[in-house]
Each structure stands twice: as C-alpha cells, then as structure tokens.
C-alpha cells in the first residue's frame, strides 16, 4: 500500500471535511459530495482551504482503524459542521465496499426502479406546474439571456430542415384526435389578448408586453404588405418577345402564353 494521509480540511466558512489521500494532501482538495459542492458554490481555491494532517501510514488496517477513530472522535456524521456523509474507513467513499452494500436494481438484473409507475409519478409531480424550474421567471430570463445572439450554423439549420420534411417528420401521416383538437382550441382561446398577457405576466408587465406584441404585429403586417406590393408592381421582361409588364400579369397571363413561344 502506498503512503496515505488522513487529513482534515477547513473552509473559510467553517465547514470541515475528514478524508484520506495518497496525493499531496495540501494540493488535493477532497472528494466528498457535500464538500465539493461547498467548494464550488463559494469558488474556493486550495489557498483558501486550511489542511491539517492527522495520520500517515502504509498499512491498510492501520488506515481503517485510524479513519474510524477520527470519524467517531469528531462525530463527523451527526455534526453539521462536517461535510462527511459516511465514516472514513479507507475505501475512498466507494459504497460498494461497505458490508451493507446492496446492488441497485439496474445492476442486479432486476427491473430498474426508474421505470416503475411509482418512480414515473414521483418525477412527474416533481416537475409539474409551478415545480417546473423552466416556468420560473428568473430561470426563463436566464435562459433568454443566454440565447441572445446565439445562431445555429448552416449545417445545423440544414439538418433541422431535413428532419422535418416528409417521412422524417415524427408526425408524418398522423392526425390529431378530435379530443386533442378540442383541447388545443380551448387553450388558444383568448391567446395574446390583453387579458391573457395580464394573467400571465401581471398587471404592469402584461400591459407592456401586450403593447409590444401589438406594435410588432403592425410592423410585420406593414412589412408583408410592402413586400407584396413590391412583388405585384415589379416589372418583368418576356424572354421571347421582350414585352415588359408588371409581375403578376406577366407571370399569370403572358410568359407561357406568349405568341412567339407558340409559333416556335
């Protein structure tokens, strides 16, 4: 067995952690679940952490004996000032080495607990309604800020386009049931009205968003109207007789019916 240290780490917030390592204990930050989350949360570095060496050994039995001794001495499991979840017995936190260890169902060949009805209902309730983090205003705003300026590559756009065409579309050849159509219609009633915005975002923000939506709709309508007018008034030249005319009439009545084309 390599030379192993039993150490105690202390964070600037006063949290302690008992562990063991074969590395340099002053450089090693520790690997406990709660301890690592604590370090990450407050962005501590090894310069911020105090390290105390309690024991050094090359004997496995000695490591286990001293690890259990210090675990009981400091009462690391029940004392809230310690980040340990288990006693330090030299197994490096590997629960499979514990005498009471039992293989998870998915590893023992049994039906995975994650696929049971109880588990499905539990996870469904955890993320249903207001419990869903994606529905919280602060989370939605954080996601929105990250998405600002983000653009998909040409290859990504092409793949997305191809995945939605014809048989590649997951809904290809399917139809919504009448019950589903009715639900969709009910949900769409009153959508984007001022009452809808107020109920979703509150009185002040709702009215503000409603006005923004209304202005955007007017701008889109005017832009579409201008593009249509431009297309209708654009002049085209017939490649057969060189006659010049406006787009709508030339495309509809002249191009394929040009007398020079028929004479050819």
C-alpha atoms as a PDB file:
ATOM      1  CA  UNK A   1       0.000   0.000   0.000  1.00  0.00           C
ATOM      2  CA  UNK A   2       1.285   3.468  -0.921  1.00  0.00           C
ATOM      3  CA  UNK A   3       1.849   6.131   1.713  1.00  0.00           C
ATOM      4  CA  UNK A   4      -1.575   7.509   2.640  1.00  0.00           C
ATOM      5  CA  UNK A   5      -2.553  10.580   4.637  1.00  0.00           C
ATOM      6  CA  UNK A   6      -5.621  11.092   6.808  1.00  0.00           C
ATOM      7  CA  UNK A   7      -6.381  14.806   6.768  1.00  0.00           C
ATOM      8  CA  UNK A   8      -8.940  17.423   7.793  1.00  0.00           C
ATOM      9  CA  UNK A   9      -9.906  20.283   5.519  1.00  0.00           C
ATOM     10  CA  UNK A  10     -11.452  23.529   6.768  1.00  0.00           C
ATOM     11  CA  UNK A  11     -13.137  26.115   4.553  1.00  0.00           C
ATOM     12  CA  UNK A  12     -13.261  29.868   5.338  1.00  0.00           C
ATOM     13  CA  UNK A  13     -16.956  29.338   6.209  1.00  0.00           C
ATOM     14  CA  UNK A  14     -16.036  26.928   8.999  1.00  0.00           C
ATOM     15  CA  UNK A  15     -17.059  23.680   7.290  1.00  0.00           C
ATOM     16  CA  UNK A  16     -14.788  20.671   7.971  1.00  0.00           C
ATOM     17  CA  UNK A  17     -14.111  17.534   5.957  1.00  0.00           C
ATOM     18  CA  UNK A  18     -12.268  14.371   7.006  1.00  0.00           C
ATOM     19  CA  UNK A  19     -10.650  12.360   4.232  1.00  0.00           C
ATOM     20  CA  UNK A  20      -7.711  10.282   3.058  1.00  0.00           C
ATOM     21  CA  UNK A  21      -5.431  10.566   0.026  1.00  0.00           C
ATOM     22  CA  UNK A  22      -2.242   9.171  -1.474  1.00  0.00           C
ATOM     23  CA  UNK A  23      -1.560  12.507  -3.167  1.00  0.00           C
ATOM     24  CA  UNK A  24      -0.080  15.658  -1.695  1.00  0.00           C
ATOM     25  CA  UNK A  25      -2.765  16.498   0.917  1.00  0.00           C
ATOM     26  CA  UNK A  26      -2.044  20.218   0.669  1.00  0.00           C
ATOM     27  CA  UNK A  27      -2.784  20.265  -3.073  1.00  0.00           C
ATOM     28  CA  UNK A  28      -5.605  17.725  -3.017  1.00  0.00           C
ATOM     29  CA  UNK A  29      -8.969  19.470  -2.482  1.00  0.00           C
ATOM     30  CA  UNK A  30     -11.021  16.485  -1.266  1.00  0.00           C
ATOM     31  CA  UNK A  31     -13.719  14.443  -2.990  1.00  0.00           C
ATOM     32  CA  UNK A  32     -16.778  14.358  -0.705  1.00  0.00           C
ATOM     33  CA  UNK A  33     -20.088  15.175  -2.390  1.00  0.00           C
ATOM     34  CA  UNK A  34     -21.185  17.920   0.034  1.00  0.00           C
ATOM     35  CA  UNK A  35     -17.625  19.194   0.384  1.00  0.00           C
ATOM     36  CA  UNK A  36     -17.149  19.555  -3.390  1.00  0.00           C
ATOM     37  CA  UNK A  37     -20.487  21.358  -3.757  1.00  0.00           C
ATOM     38  CA  UNK A  38     -19.473  23.707  -0.943  1.00  0.00           C
ATOM     39  CA  UNK A  39     -16.138  24.487  -2.632  1.00  0.00           C
ATOM     40  CA  UNK A  40     -17.815  25.069  -5.992  1.00  0.00           C
ATOM     41  CA  UNK A  41     -20.602  27.232  -4.544  1.00  0.00           C
ATOM     42  CA  UNK A  42     -18.193  29.702  -2.940  1.00  0.00           C
ATOM     43  CA  UNK A  43     -15.485  29.327  -5.597  1.00  0.00           C
ATOM     44  CA  UNK A  44     -12.800  28.483  -3.030  1.00  0.00           C
ATOM     45  CA  UNK A  45      -9.255  27.592  -4.125  1.00  0.00           C
ATOM     46  CA  UNK A  46      -6.638  25.500  -2.325  1.00  0.00           C
ATOM     47  CA  UNK A  47      -5.179  28.760  -0.964  1.00  0.00           C
ATOM     48  CA  UNK A  48      -8.463  29.408   0.843  1.00  0.00           C
ATOM     49  CA  UNK A  49      -8.611  25.940   2.425  1.00  0.00           C
ATOM     50  CA  UNK A  50      -6.729  25.006   5.606  1.00  0.00           C
ATOM     51  CA  UNK A  51      -5.289  21.467   5.723  1.00  0.00           C
ATOM     52  CA  UNK A  52      -4.388  19.508   8.880  1.00  0.00           C
ATOM     53  CA  UNK A  53      -2.521  16.170   8.658  1.00  0.00           C
ATOM     54  CA  UNK A  54      -3.769  13.758  11.339  1.00  0.00           C
ATOM     55  CA  UNK A  55      -2.075  10.497  10.399  1.00  0.00           C
ATOM     56  CA  UNK A  56       0.314   8.955   7.845  1.00  0.00           C
ATOM     57  CA  UNK A  57       0.552   5.240   7.149  1.00  0.00           C
ATOM     58  CA  UNK A  58       1.472   2.488   4.678  1.00  0.00           C
ATOM     59  CA  UNK A  59      -0.727  -0.145   6.337  1.00  0.00           C
ATOM     60  CA  UNK A  60      -4.306  -0.765   5.181  1.00  0.00           C
ATOM     61  CA  UNK A  61      -5.560  -1.994   8.561  1.00  0.00           C
ATOM     62  CA  UNK A  62      -3.960   0.958  10.296  1.00  0.00           C
ATOM     63  CA  UNK A  63      -5.631   3.318   7.832  1.00  0.00           C
ATOM     64  CA  UNK A  64      -9.066   1.812   8.523  1.00  0.00           C
ATOM     65  CA  UNK A  65      -8.556   1.809  12.299  1.00  0.00           C
ATOM     66  CA  UNK A  66      -7.401   5.461  12.452  1.00  0.00           C
ATOM     67  CA  UNK A  67     -10.006   6.623   9.974  1.00  0.00           C
ATOM     68  CA  UNK A  68     -12.804   5.148  12.091  1.00  0.00           C
ATOM     69  CA  UNK A  69     -11.188   6.515  15.246  1.00  0.00           C
ATOM     70  CA  UNK A  70     -11.169  10.133  13.981  1.00  0.00           C
ATOM     71  CA  UNK A  71     -14.648   9.733  12.497  1.00  0.00           C
ATOM     72  CA  UNK A  72     -16.043   8.855  15.926  1.00  0.00           C
ATOM     73  CA  UNK A  73     -13.861  11.386  17.727  1.00  0.00           C
ATOM     74  CA  UNK A  74     -15.191  14.290  15.671  1.00  0.00           C
ATOM     75  CA  UNK A  75     -18.687  12.760  15.259  1.00  0.00           C
ATOM     76  CA  UNK A  76     -18.473  13.672  11.555  1.00  0.00           C
ATOM     77  CA  UNK A  77     -21.811  12.090  10.560  1.00  0.00           C
ATOM     78  CA  UNK A  78     -24.124  13.846  13.027  1.00  0.00           C
ATOM     79  CA  UNK A  79     -22.205  17.092  13.465  1.00  0.00           C
ATOM     80  CA  UNK A  80     -23.500  19.667  10.956  1.00  0.00           C
ATOM     81  CA  UNK A  81     -20.102  21.390  10.900  1.00  0.00           C
ATOM     82  CA  UNK A  82     -18.716  18.408   8.985  1.00  0.00           C
ATOM     83  CA  UNK A  83     -19.370  17.675   5.293  1.00  0.00           C
ATOM     84  CA  UNK A  84     -18.933  13.886   5.575  1.00  0.00           C
ATOM     85  CA  UNK A  85     -21.827  11.555   4.780  1.00  0.00           C
ATOM     86  CA  UNK A  86     -20.014   8.366   5.876  1.00  0.00           C
ATOM     87  CA  UNK A  87     -17.237   7.456   8.269  1.00  0.00           C
ATOM     88  CA  UNK A  88     -13.734   7.470   6.817  1.00  0.00           C
ATOM     89  CA  UNK A  89     -12.714   3.799   6.661  1.00  0.00           C
ATOM     90  CA  UNK A  90     -10.175   3.932   3.847  1.00  0.00           C
ATOM     91  CA  UNK A  91     -12.473   2.902   0.978  1.00  0.00           C
ATOM     92  CA  UNK A  92     -12.343   6.358  -0.639  1.00  0.00           C
ATOM     93  CA  UNK A  93     -16.115   6.747  -0.456  1.00  0.00           C
ATOM     94  CA  UNK A  94     -16.775   3.617  -2.533  1.00  0.00           C
ATOM     95  CA  UNK A  95     -20.130   2.434  -1.134  1.00  0.00           C
ATOM     96  CA  UNK A  96     -19.763  -0.934  -2.874  1.00  0.00           C
ATOM     97  CA  UNK A  97     -17.080  -1.818  -0.323  1.00  0.00           C
ATOM     98  CA  UNK A  98     -19.465  -1.306   2.587  1.00  0.00           C
ATOM     99  CA  UNK A  99     -20.715  -4.507   4.347  1.00  0.00           C
ATOM    100  CA  UNK A 100     -24.323  -3.299   3.989  1.00  0.00           C
ATOM    101  CA  UNK A 101     -23.957  -2.506   0.285  1.00  0.00           C
ATOM    102  CA  UNK A 102     -26.732  -3.770  -1.987  1.00  0.00           C
ATOM    103  CA  UNK A 103     -26.576  -3.564  -5.767  1.00  0.00           C
ATOM    104  CA  UNK A 104     -29.058  -1.163  -7.392  1.00  0.00           C
ATOM    105  CA  UNK A 105     -31.866  -2.924  -9.316  1.00  0.00           C
ATOM    106  CA  UNK A 106     -30.474  -1.845 -12.679  1.00  0.00           C
ATOM    107  CA  UNK A 107     -27.112  -3.513 -11.862  1.00  0.00           C
ATOM    108  CA  UNK A 108     -28.571  -6.692 -10.337  1.00  0.00           C
ATOM    109  CA  UNK A 109     -30.646  -7.574 -13.393  1.00  0.00           C
ATOM    110  CA  UNK A 110     -33.928  -6.591 -11.760  1.00  0.00           C
ATOM    111  CA  UNK A 111     -36.387  -4.127 -13.246  1.00  0.00           C
ATOM    112  CA  UNK A 112     -34.982  -0.625 -12.962  1.00  0.00           C
ATOM    113  CA  UNK A 113     -36.703   1.406 -10.262  1.00  0.00           C
ATOM    114  CA  UNK A 114     -36.662   4.390 -12.627  1.00  0.00           C
ATOM    115  CA  UNK A 115     -39.101   2.566 -14.908  1.00  0.00           C
ATOM    116  CA  UNK A 116     -41.661   1.711 -12.215  1.00  0.00           C
ATOM    117  CA  UNK A 117     -45.008   3.526 -12.043  1.00  0.00           C
ATOM    118  CA  UNK A 118     -44.106   4.944  -8.653  1.00  0.00           C
ATOM    119  CA  UNK A 119     -40.881   6.498  -9.977  1.00  0.00           C
ATOM    120  CA  UNK A 120     -42.624   7.934 -13.039  1.00  0.00           C
ATOM    121  CA  UNK A 121     -45.308   9.551 -10.890  1.00  0.00           C
ATOM    122  CA  UNK A 122     -42.691  10.891  -8.477  1.00  0.00           C
ATOM    123  CA  UNK A 123     -40.702  12.610 -11.244  1.00  0.00           C
ATOM    124  CA  UNK A 124     -43.904  13.813 -12.882  1.00  0.00           C
ATOM    125  CA  UNK A 125     -45.016  15.510  -9.652  1.00  0.00           C
ATOM    126  CA  UNK A 126     -41.544  16.971  -9.123  1.00  0.00           C
ATOM    127  CA  UNK A 127     -41.672  18.914 -12.405  1.00  0.00           C
ATOM    128  CA  UNK A 128     -45.406  19.526 -12.722  1.00  0.00           C
ATOM    129  CA  UNK A 129     -46.869  23.032 -12.822  1.00  0.00           C
ATOM    130  CA  UNK A 130     -45.048  25.626 -10.727  1.00  0.00           C
ATOM    131  CA  UNK A 131     -42.493  22.998  -9.639  1.00  0.00           C
ATOM    132  CA  UNK A 132     -41.024  23.044 -13.142  1.00  0.00           C
ATOM    133  CA  UNK A 133     -37.871  25.233 -12.992  1.00  0.00           C
ATOM    134  CA  UNK A 134     -38.309  26.238 -16.642  1.00  0.00           C
ATOM    135  CA  UNK A 135     -41.536  28.053 -15.689  1.00  0.00           C
ATOM    136  CA  UNK A 136     -39.923  30.251 -13.062  1.00  0.00           C
ATOM    137  CA  UNK A 137     -39.473  33.867 -14.259  1.00  0.00           C
ATOM    138  CA  UNK A 138     -35.843  34.077 -13.127  1.00  0.00           C
ATOM    139  CA  UNK A 139     -34.962  30.807 -14.898  1.00  0.00           C
ATOM    140  CA  UNK A 140     -36.768  31.823 -18.088  1.00  0.00           C
ATOM    141  CA  UNK A 141     -34.937  35.146 -18.074  1.00  0.00           C
ATOM    142  CA  UNK A 142     -31.589  33.399 -17.558  1.00  0.00           C
ATOM    143  CA  UNK A 143     -32.287  31.074 -20.494  1.00  0.00           C
ATOM    144  CA  UNK A 144     -33.369  34.034 -22.637  1.00  0.00           C
ATOM    145  CA  UNK A 145     -30.201  35.998 -21.856  1.00  0.00           C
ATOM    146  CA  UNK A 146     -28.017  33.025 -22.809  1.00  0.00           C
ATOM    147  CA  UNK A 147     -29.877  32.624 -26.096  1.00  0.00           C
ATOM    148  CA  UNK A 148     -29.400  36.257 -27.167  1.00  0.00           C
ATOM    149  CA  UNK A 149     -27.084  36.434 -30.171  1.00  0.00           C
ATOM    150  CA  UNK A 150     -26.864  32.660 -30.483  1.00  0.00           C
ATOM    151  CA  UNK A 151     -27.099  31.497 -34.100  1.00  0.00           C
ATOM    152  CA  UNK A 152     -27.225  27.999 -35.485  1.00  0.00           C
ATOM    153  CA  UNK A 153     -24.679  27.037 -38.137  1.00  0.00           C
ATOM    154  CA  UNK A 154     -25.718  26.434 -41.748  1.00  0.00           C
ATOM    155  CA  UNK A 155     -25.155  22.690 -41.285  1.00  0.00           C
ATOM    156  CA  UNK A 156     -27.398  22.640 -38.186  1.00  0.00           C
ATOM    157  CA  UNK A 157     -30.150  24.540 -39.986  1.00  0.00           C
ATOM    158  CA  UNK A 158     -29.938  22.123 -42.907  1.00  0.00           C
ATOM    159  CA  UNK A 159     -30.197  19.093 -40.616  1.00  0.00           C
ATOM    160  CA  UNK A 160     -33.177  20.580 -38.779  1.00  0.00           C
ATOM    161  CA  UNK A 161     -34.871  21.345 -42.080  1.00  0.00           C
ATOM    162  CA  UNK A 162     -34.336  17.813 -43.388  1.00  0.00           C
ATOM    163  CA  UNK A 163     -35.561  16.259 -40.129  1.00  0.00           C
ATOM    164  CA  UNK A 164     -38.951  17.957 -40.516  1.00  0.00           C
ATOM    165  CA  UNK A 165     -39.651  17.129 -44.157  1.00  0.00           C
ATOM    166  CA  UNK A 166     -41.815  14.218 -45.299  1.00  0.00           C
ATOM    167  CA  UNK A 167     -41.296  10.861 -43.631  1.00  0.00           C
ATOM    168  CA  UNK A 168     -38.501  12.293 -41.455  1.00  0.00           C
ATOM    169  CA  UNK A 169     -41.146  14.262 -39.581  1.00  0.00           C
ATOM    170  CA  UNK A 170     -42.224  12.332 -36.488  1.00  0.00           C
ATOM    171  CA  UNK A 171     -45.842  13.392 -37.110  1.00  0.00           C
ATOM    172  CA  UNK A 172     -45.816  12.373 -40.774  1.00  0.00           C
ATOM    173  CA  UNK A 173     -49.057  10.629 -41.787  1.00  0.00           C
ATOM    174  CA  UNK A 174     -50.668  11.204 -38.386  1.00  0.00           C
ATOM    175  CA  UNK A 175     -53.656  13.312 -37.376  1.00  0.00           C
ATOM    176  CA  UNK A 176     -54.693  14.856 -34.100  1.00  0.00           C
ATOM    177  CA  UNK A 177     -57.655  13.212 -32.413  1.00  0.00           C
ATOM    178  CA  UNK A 178     -60.840  15.251 -32.055  1.00  0.00           C
ATOM    179  CA  UNK A 179     -60.328  15.389 -28.292  1.00  0.00           C
ATOM    180  CA  UNK A 180     -56.820  16.798 -28.747  1.00  0.00           C
ATOM    181  CA  UNK A 181     -58.065  19.318 -31.299  1.00  0.00           C
ATOM    182  CA  UNK A 182     -60.714  20.475 -28.854  1.00  0.00           C
ATOM    183  CA  UNK A 183     -58.102  20.911 -26.097  1.00  0.00           C
ATOM    184  CA  UNK A 184     -55.826  22.870 -28.440  1.00  0.00           C
ATOM    185  CA  UNK A 185     -58.710  25.149 -29.452  1.00  0.00           C
ATOM    186  CA  UNK A 186     -59.618  25.810 -25.826  1.00  0.00           C
ATOM    187  CA  UNK A 187     -56.014  26.670 -24.995  1.00  0.00           C
ATOM    188  CA  UNK A 188     -55.812  29.015 -27.978  1.00  0.00           C
ATOM    189  CA  UNK A 189     -58.932  30.971 -26.997  1.00  0.00           C
ATOM    190  CA  UNK A 190     -58.040  34.442 -25.878  1.00  0.00           C
ATOM    191  CA  UNK A 191     -54.336  33.901 -26.512  1.00  0.00           C
ATOM    192  CA  UNK A 192     -52.285  37.094 -26.905  1.00  0.00           C
ATOM    193  CA  UNK A 193     -55.184  39.291 -25.820  1.00  0.00           C
ATOM    194  CA  UNK A 194     -54.561  41.898 -23.142  1.00  0.00           C
ATOM    195  CA  UNK A 195     -56.300  39.707 -20.542  1.00  0.00           C
ATOM    196  CA  UNK A 196     -54.037  36.789 -21.486  1.00  0.00           C
ATOM    197  CA  UNK A 197     -50.901  38.889 -21.038  1.00  0.00           C
ATOM    198  CA  UNK A 198     -52.100  40.333 -17.726  1.00  0.00           C
ATOM    199  CA  UNK A 199     -52.949  36.902 -16.289  1.00  0.00           C
ATOM    200  CA  UNK A 200     -49.554  35.528 -17.332  1.00  0.00           C
ATOM    201  CA  UNK A 201     -47.196  38.425 -16.516  1.00  0.00           C
ATOM    202  CA  UNK A 202     -49.145  40.598 -14.084  1.00  0.00           C
ATOM    203  CA  UNK A 203     -50.851  43.969 -14.496  1.00  0.00           C
ATOM    204  CA  UNK A 204     -47.885  46.217 -15.361  1.00  0.00           C
ATOM    205  CA  UNK A 205     -45.689  43.779 -17.312  1.00  0.00           C
ATOM    206  CA  UNK A 206     -48.731  42.264 -19.035  1.00  0.00           C
ATOM    207  CA  UNK A 207     -49.915  45.570 -20.477  1.00  0.00           C
ATOM    208  CA  UNK A 208     -46.372  46.455 -21.535  1.00  0.00           C
ATOM    209  CA  UNK A 209     -45.869  43.128 -23.326  1.00  0.00           C
ATOM    210  CA  UNK A 210     -49.279  43.429 -24.954  1.00  0.00           C
ATOM    211  CA  UNK A 211     -48.355  46.820 -26.421  1.00  0.00           C
ATOM    212  CA  UNK A 212     -45.019  45.441 -27.648  1.00  0.00           C
ATOM    213  CA  UNK A 213     -46.792  42.496 -29.280  1.00  0.00           C
ATOM    214  CA  UNK A 214     -49.348  44.779 -30.925  1.00  0.00           C
ATOM    215  CA  UNK A 215     -46.626  47.060 -32.345  1.00  0.00           C
ATOM    216  CA  UNK A 216     -44.695  44.053 -33.654  1.00  0.00           C
ATOM    217  CA  UNK A 217     -47.823  42.744 -35.360  1.00  0.00           C
ATOM    218  CA  UNK A 218     -48.386  46.111 -37.052  1.00  0.00           C
ATOM    219  CA  UNK A 219     -44.768  46.216 -38.221  1.00  0.00           C
ATOM    220  CA  UNK A 220     -44.980  42.669 -39.603  1.00  0.00           C
ATOM    221  CA  UNK A 221     -48.233  43.451 -41.378  1.00  0.00           C
ATOM    222  CA  UNK A 222     -46.847  46.623 -42.963  1.00  0.00           C
ATOM    223  CA  UNK A 223     -43.664  44.826 -43.997  1.00  0.00           C
ATOM    224  CA  UNK A 224     -45.640  41.984 -45.570  1.00  0.00           C
ATOM    225  CA  UNK A 225     -47.912  44.457 -47.319  1.00  0.00           C
ATOM    226  CA  UNK A 226     -44.918  46.360 -48.712  1.00  0.00           C
ATOM    227  CA  UNK A 227     -43.273  43.137 -49.948  1.00  0.00           C
ATOM    228  CA  UNK A 228     -46.498  42.055 -51.646  1.00  0.00           C
ATOM    229  CA  UNK A 229     -46.914  45.440 -53.309  1.00  0.00           C
ATOM    230  CA  UNK A 230     -43.319  45.339 -54.468  1.00  0.00           C
ATOM    231  CA  UNK A 231     -43.799  41.881 -55.974  1.00  0.00           C
ATOM    232  CA  UNK A 232     -47.012  42.921 -57.742  1.00  0.00           C
ATOM    233  CA  UNK A 233     -45.537  46.101 -59.231  1.00  0.00           C
ATOM    234  CA  UNK A 234     -42.136  44.706 -60.207  1.00  0.00           C
ATOM    235  CA  UNK A 235     -41.614  44.734 -63.967  1.00  0.00           C
ATOM    236  CA  UNK A 236     -40.565  41.640 -65.936  1.00  0.00           C
ATOM    237  CA  UNK A 237     -39.382  41.264 -69.494  1.00  0.00           C
ATOM    238  CA  UNK A 238     -40.619  38.375 -71.608  1.00  0.00           C
ATOM    239  CA  UNK A 239     -37.603  36.361 -72.877  1.00  0.00           C
ATOM    240  CA  UNK A 240     -39.492  35.509 -76.081  1.00  0.00           C
ATOM    241  CA  UNK A 241     -40.897  38.824 -77.301  1.00  0.00           C
ATOM    242  CA  UNK A 242     -39.181  41.335 -74.980  1.00  0.00           C
ATOM    243  CA  UNK A 243     -42.526  42.686 -73.835  1.00  0.00           C
ATOM    244  CA  UNK A 244     -42.344  44.490 -70.473  1.00  0.00           C
ATOM    245  CA  UNK A 245     -45.111  44.206 -67.897  1.00  0.00           C
ATOM    246  CA  UNK A 246     -45.881  44.007 -64.200  1.00  0.00           C
ATOM    247  CA  UNK A 247     -45.050  40.810 -62.364  1.00  0.00           C
ATOM    248  CA  UNK A 248     -48.481  39.484 -61.520  1.00  0.00           C
ATOM    249  CA  UNK A 249     -49.926  39.872 -65.019  1.00  0.00           C
ATOM    250  CA  UNK A 250     -46.793  38.753 -66.857  1.00  0.00           C
ATOM    251  CA  UNK A 251     -46.441  35.566 -64.820  1.00  0.00           C
ATOM    252  CA  UNK A 252     -50.119  34.711 -64.892  1.00  0.00           C
ATOM    253  CA  UNK A 253     -51.150  35.586 -68.456  1.00  0.00           C
ATOM    254  CA  UNK A 254     -48.147  36.121 -70.694  1.00  0.00           C
ATOM    255  CA  UNK A 255     -44.984  34.029 -70.118  1.00  0.00           C
ATOM    256  CA  UNK A 256     -46.420  30.601 -71.009  1.00  0.00           C
ATOM    257  CA  UNK A 257     -48.885  32.066 -73.487  1.00  0.00           C
ATOM    258  CA  UNK A 258     -46.522  34.278 -75.473  1.00  0.00           C
ATOM    259  CA  UNK A 259     -47.404  34.187 -79.190  1.00  0.00           C
ATOM    260  CA  UNK A 260     -43.756  33.875 -80.147  1.00  0.00           C
ATOM    261  CA  UNK A 261     -43.458  30.798 -77.907  1.00  0.00           C
ATOM    262  CA  UNK A 262     -46.496  29.233 -79.595  1.00  0.00           C
ATOM    263  CA  UNK A 263     -45.145  29.988 -83.065  1.00  0.00           C
ATOM    264  CA  UNK A 264     -41.909  28.215 -82.173  1.00  0.00           C
END
